[in-house]
Amino acid sequence: MPEARRKIALPRLYAIPELIDLRRQMLRFARSLPRGPERNNRRQIAASLRSLFRNKAWLDAHTVEGSQ
C-alpha cells in the first residue's frame, strides 16, 4: 500500500490592514441584520478580533509584520 503524501498546513499570516478590514466588515454586516443570534455572532467575532489586536504575542505569531 503506497504511503499517503500529506501536506503540512502552514498557519496563514495576515496583514494588519486585512484584519482591520475584516473587523469593519463584520460590524457593518451585523448592523444590517435584525436583532437576533446571527447579529450577535457577528458582533462577537468583531469583539474577538479587537481583543486579538491587543494581544502582542498573537499578532507576532499571525501577522506578516510580526513574523519578520
N, C-alpha and C. Protein backbone atom coordinates (compact mmCIF):
# COMPACT_ATOMS: atom_id res chain seq x y z
N MET A 1 0.85 -1.16 0.00
CA MET A 1 0.00 0.00 0.00
C MET A 1 0.90 1.24 0.00
N PRO A 2 0.69 2.17 -0.95
CA PRO A 2 1.55 3.36 -1.00
C PRO A 2 1.26 4.30 0.16
N GLU A 3 2.32 4.99 0.56
CA GLU A 3 2.16 5.96 1.65
C GLU A 3 1.38 7.17 1.17
N ALA A 4 0.54 7.66 2.02
CA ALA A 4 -0.22 8.87 1.69
C ALA A 4 0.69 10.07 1.86
N ARG A 5 0.73 10.90 0.85
CA ARG A 5 1.52 12.12 0.95
C ARG A 5 0.63 13.20 1.54
N ARG A 6 1.04 13.65 2.69
CA ARG A 6 0.24 14.65 3.39
C ARG A 6 0.93 16.00 3.32
N LYS A 7 0.13 16.99 3.08
CA LYS A 7 0.65 18.35 3.09
C LYS A 7 0.51 18.89 4.50
N ILE A 8 1.57 19.51 4.96
CA ILE A 8 1.53 20.12 6.28
C ILE A 8 0.94 21.52 6.11
N ALA A 9 -0.12 21.77 6.83
CA ALA A 9 -0.78 23.07 6.72
C ALA A 9 0.01 24.10 7.52
N LEU A 10 0.48 25.10 6.83
CA LEU A 10 1.19 26.19 7.49
C LEU A 10 0.16 27.22 7.93
N PRO A 11 0.39 27.83 9.08
CA PRO A 11 -0.57 28.85 9.53
C PRO A 11 -0.55 30.04 8.58
N ARG A 12 -1.73 30.57 8.31
CA ARG A 12 -1.84 31.71 7.41
C ARG A 12 -1.44 32.97 8.15
N LEU A 13 -0.63 33.80 7.50
CA LEU A 13 -0.23 35.08 8.07
C LEU A 13 -1.08 36.18 7.46
N TYR A 14 -1.53 37.08 8.29
CA TYR A 14 -2.40 38.17 7.87
C TYR A 14 -1.64 39.49 7.93
N ALA A 15 -2.09 40.44 7.13
CA ALA A 15 -1.60 41.81 7.24
C ALA A 15 -2.54 42.54 8.19
N ILE A 16 -2.01 43.47 8.95
CA ILE A 16 -2.82 44.21 9.93
C ILE A 16 -4.00 44.90 9.25
N PRO A 17 -3.80 45.60 8.12
CA PRO A 17 -4.95 46.24 7.47
C PRO A 17 -6.02 45.23 7.04
N GLU A 18 -5.60 44.03 6.68
CA GLU A 18 -6.56 42.99 6.30
C GLU A 18 -7.44 42.59 7.49
N LEU A 19 -6.85 42.47 8.66
CA LEU A 19 -7.61 42.13 9.86
C LEU A 19 -8.53 43.26 10.29
N ILE A 20 -8.06 44.49 10.15
CA ILE A 20 -8.89 45.64 10.49
C ILE A 20 -10.09 45.71 9.56
N ASP A 21 -9.86 45.47 8.28
CA ASP A 21 -10.96 45.47 7.31
C ASP A 21 -11.96 44.35 7.60
N LEU A 22 -11.46 43.20 7.99
CA LEU A 22 -12.35 42.09 8.34
C LEU A 22 -13.24 42.46 9.53
N ARG A 23 -12.67 43.11 10.52
CA ARG A 23 -13.45 43.54 11.67
C ARG A 23 -14.51 44.56 11.26
N ARG A 24 -14.13 45.51 10.42
CA ARG A 24 -15.10 46.50 9.94
C ARG A 24 -16.25 45.84 9.18
N GLN A 25 -15.91 44.89 8.33
CA GLN A 25 -16.94 44.18 7.57
C GLN A 25 -17.90 43.43 8.49
N MET A 26 -17.37 42.80 9.52
CA MET A 26 -18.22 42.07 10.46
C MET A 26 -19.20 43.02 11.15
N LEU A 27 -18.70 44.18 11.58
CA LEU A 27 -19.57 45.15 12.25
C LEU A 27 -20.63 45.70 11.30
N ARG A 28 -20.23 46.03 10.09
CA ARG A 28 -21.19 46.55 9.11
C ARG A 28 -22.26 45.52 8.79
N PHE A 29 -21.84 44.29 8.60
CA PHE A 29 -22.80 43.24 8.29
C PHE A 29 -23.73 43.01 9.48
N ALA A 30 -23.20 43.03 10.69
CA ALA A 30 -24.02 42.83 11.89
C ALA A 30 -25.07 43.92 12.02
N ARG A 31 -24.68 45.14 11.70
CA ARG A 31 -25.63 46.26 11.80
C ARG A 31 -26.76 46.13 10.78
N SER A 32 -26.51 45.45 9.68
CA SER A 32 -27.54 45.30 8.66
C SER A 32 -28.55 44.20 9.00
N LEU A 33 -28.22 43.37 9.97
CA LEU A 33 -29.10 42.26 10.34
C LEU A 33 -30.08 42.68 11.44
N PRO A 34 -31.24 42.05 11.47
CA PRO A 34 -32.16 42.32 12.58
C PRO A 34 -31.61 41.71 13.87
N ARG A 35 -32.08 42.20 14.99
CA ARG A 35 -31.61 41.67 16.26
C ARG A 35 -31.88 40.18 16.34
N GLY A 36 -30.90 39.47 16.85
CA GLY A 36 -31.04 38.03 16.97
C GLY A 36 -29.70 37.35 17.05
N PRO A 37 -29.69 36.02 17.00
CA PRO A 37 -28.44 35.27 17.20
C PRO A 37 -27.39 35.51 16.12
N GLU A 38 -27.81 35.64 14.86
CA GLU A 38 -26.83 35.85 13.79
C GLU A 38 -26.12 37.20 13.96
N ARG A 39 -26.88 38.21 14.29
CA ARG A 39 -26.30 39.53 14.53
C ARG A 39 -25.34 39.48 15.72
N ASN A 40 -25.75 38.81 16.78
CA ASN A 40 -24.89 38.69 17.96
C ASN A 40 -23.60 37.94 17.64
N ASN A 41 -23.68 36.91 16.81
CA ASN A 41 -22.47 36.16 16.43
C ASN A 41 -21.49 37.06 15.69
N ARG A 42 -21.98 37.86 14.77
CA ARG A 42 -21.09 38.76 14.01
C ARG A 42 -20.46 39.80 14.93
N ARG A 43 -21.24 40.34 15.86
CA ARG A 43 -20.69 41.31 16.80
C ARG A 43 -19.65 40.66 17.70
N GLN A 44 -19.86 39.42 18.07
CA GLN A 44 -18.90 38.70 18.91
C GLN A 44 -17.59 38.46 18.16
N ILE A 45 -17.68 38.15 16.88
CA ILE A 45 -16.47 37.97 16.06
C ILE A 45 -15.67 39.26 16.02
N ALA A 46 -16.36 40.38 15.80
CA ALA A 46 -15.69 41.68 15.76
C ALA A 46 -15.03 42.00 17.10
N ALA A 47 -15.73 41.71 18.18
CA ALA A 47 -15.16 41.97 19.51
C ALA A 47 -13.94 41.08 19.77
N SER A 48 -14.01 39.84 19.31
CA SER A 48 -12.87 38.93 19.48
C SER A 48 -11.66 39.41 18.69
N LEU A 49 -11.90 39.89 17.48
CA LEU A 49 -10.79 40.42 16.68
C LEU A 49 -10.16 41.63 17.38
N ARG A 50 -11.00 42.49 17.95
CA ARG A 50 -10.47 43.65 18.67
C ARG A 50 -9.58 43.22 19.83
N SER A 51 -9.99 42.20 20.56
CA SER A 51 -9.18 41.74 21.68
C SER A 51 -7.88 41.09 21.20
N LEU A 52 -7.92 40.44 20.04
CA LEU A 52 -6.69 39.85 19.49
C LEU A 52 -5.71 40.93 19.05
N PHE A 53 -6.22 42.07 18.58
CA PHE A 53 -5.33 43.17 18.19
C PHE A 53 -4.51 43.66 19.37
N ARG A 54 -5.03 43.52 20.55
CA ARG A 54 -4.35 43.98 21.76
C ARG A 54 -3.35 42.95 22.30
N ASN A 55 -3.36 41.75 21.74
CA ASN A 55 -2.50 40.67 22.20
C ASN A 55 -1.24 40.63 21.34
N LYS A 56 -0.15 41.15 21.87
CA LYS A 56 1.11 41.26 21.11
C LYS A 56 1.63 39.89 20.67
N ALA A 57 1.52 38.89 21.51
CA ALA A 57 2.01 37.55 21.16
C ALA A 57 1.22 36.98 19.99
N TRP A 58 -0.09 37.17 19.99
CA TRP A 58 -0.91 36.65 18.89
C TRP A 58 -0.57 37.39 17.60
N LEU A 59 -0.43 38.71 17.68
CA LEU A 59 -0.09 39.48 16.48
C LEU A 59 1.26 39.05 15.92
N ASP A 60 2.24 38.83 16.79
CA ASP A 60 3.56 38.40 16.32
C ASP A 60 3.51 37.04 15.62
N ALA A 61 2.63 36.17 16.08
CA ALA A 61 2.56 34.82 15.53
C ALA A 61 1.70 34.74 14.26
N HIS A 62 0.76 35.68 14.08
CA HIS A 62 -0.21 35.54 12.99
C HIS A 62 -0.21 36.66 11.96
N THR A 63 0.69 37.62 12.09
CA THR A 63 0.74 38.69 11.10
C THR A 63 2.07 38.69 10.36
N VAL A 64 2.02 39.22 9.16
CA VAL A 64 3.23 39.29 8.34
C VAL A 64 4.25 40.20 9.02
N GLU A 65 3.78 41.30 9.57
CA GLU A 65 4.69 42.25 10.23
C GLU A 65 5.34 41.62 11.46
N GLY A 66 4.58 40.81 12.20
CA GLY A 66 5.10 40.22 13.41
C GLY A 66 6.07 39.08 13.16
N SER A 67 5.93 38.41 12.01
CA SER A 67 6.76 37.24 11.75
C SER A 67 8.15 37.61 11.20
N GLN A 68 8.33 38.86 10.85
CA GLN A 68 9.60 39.26 10.26
C GLN A 68 10.65 39.52 11.31
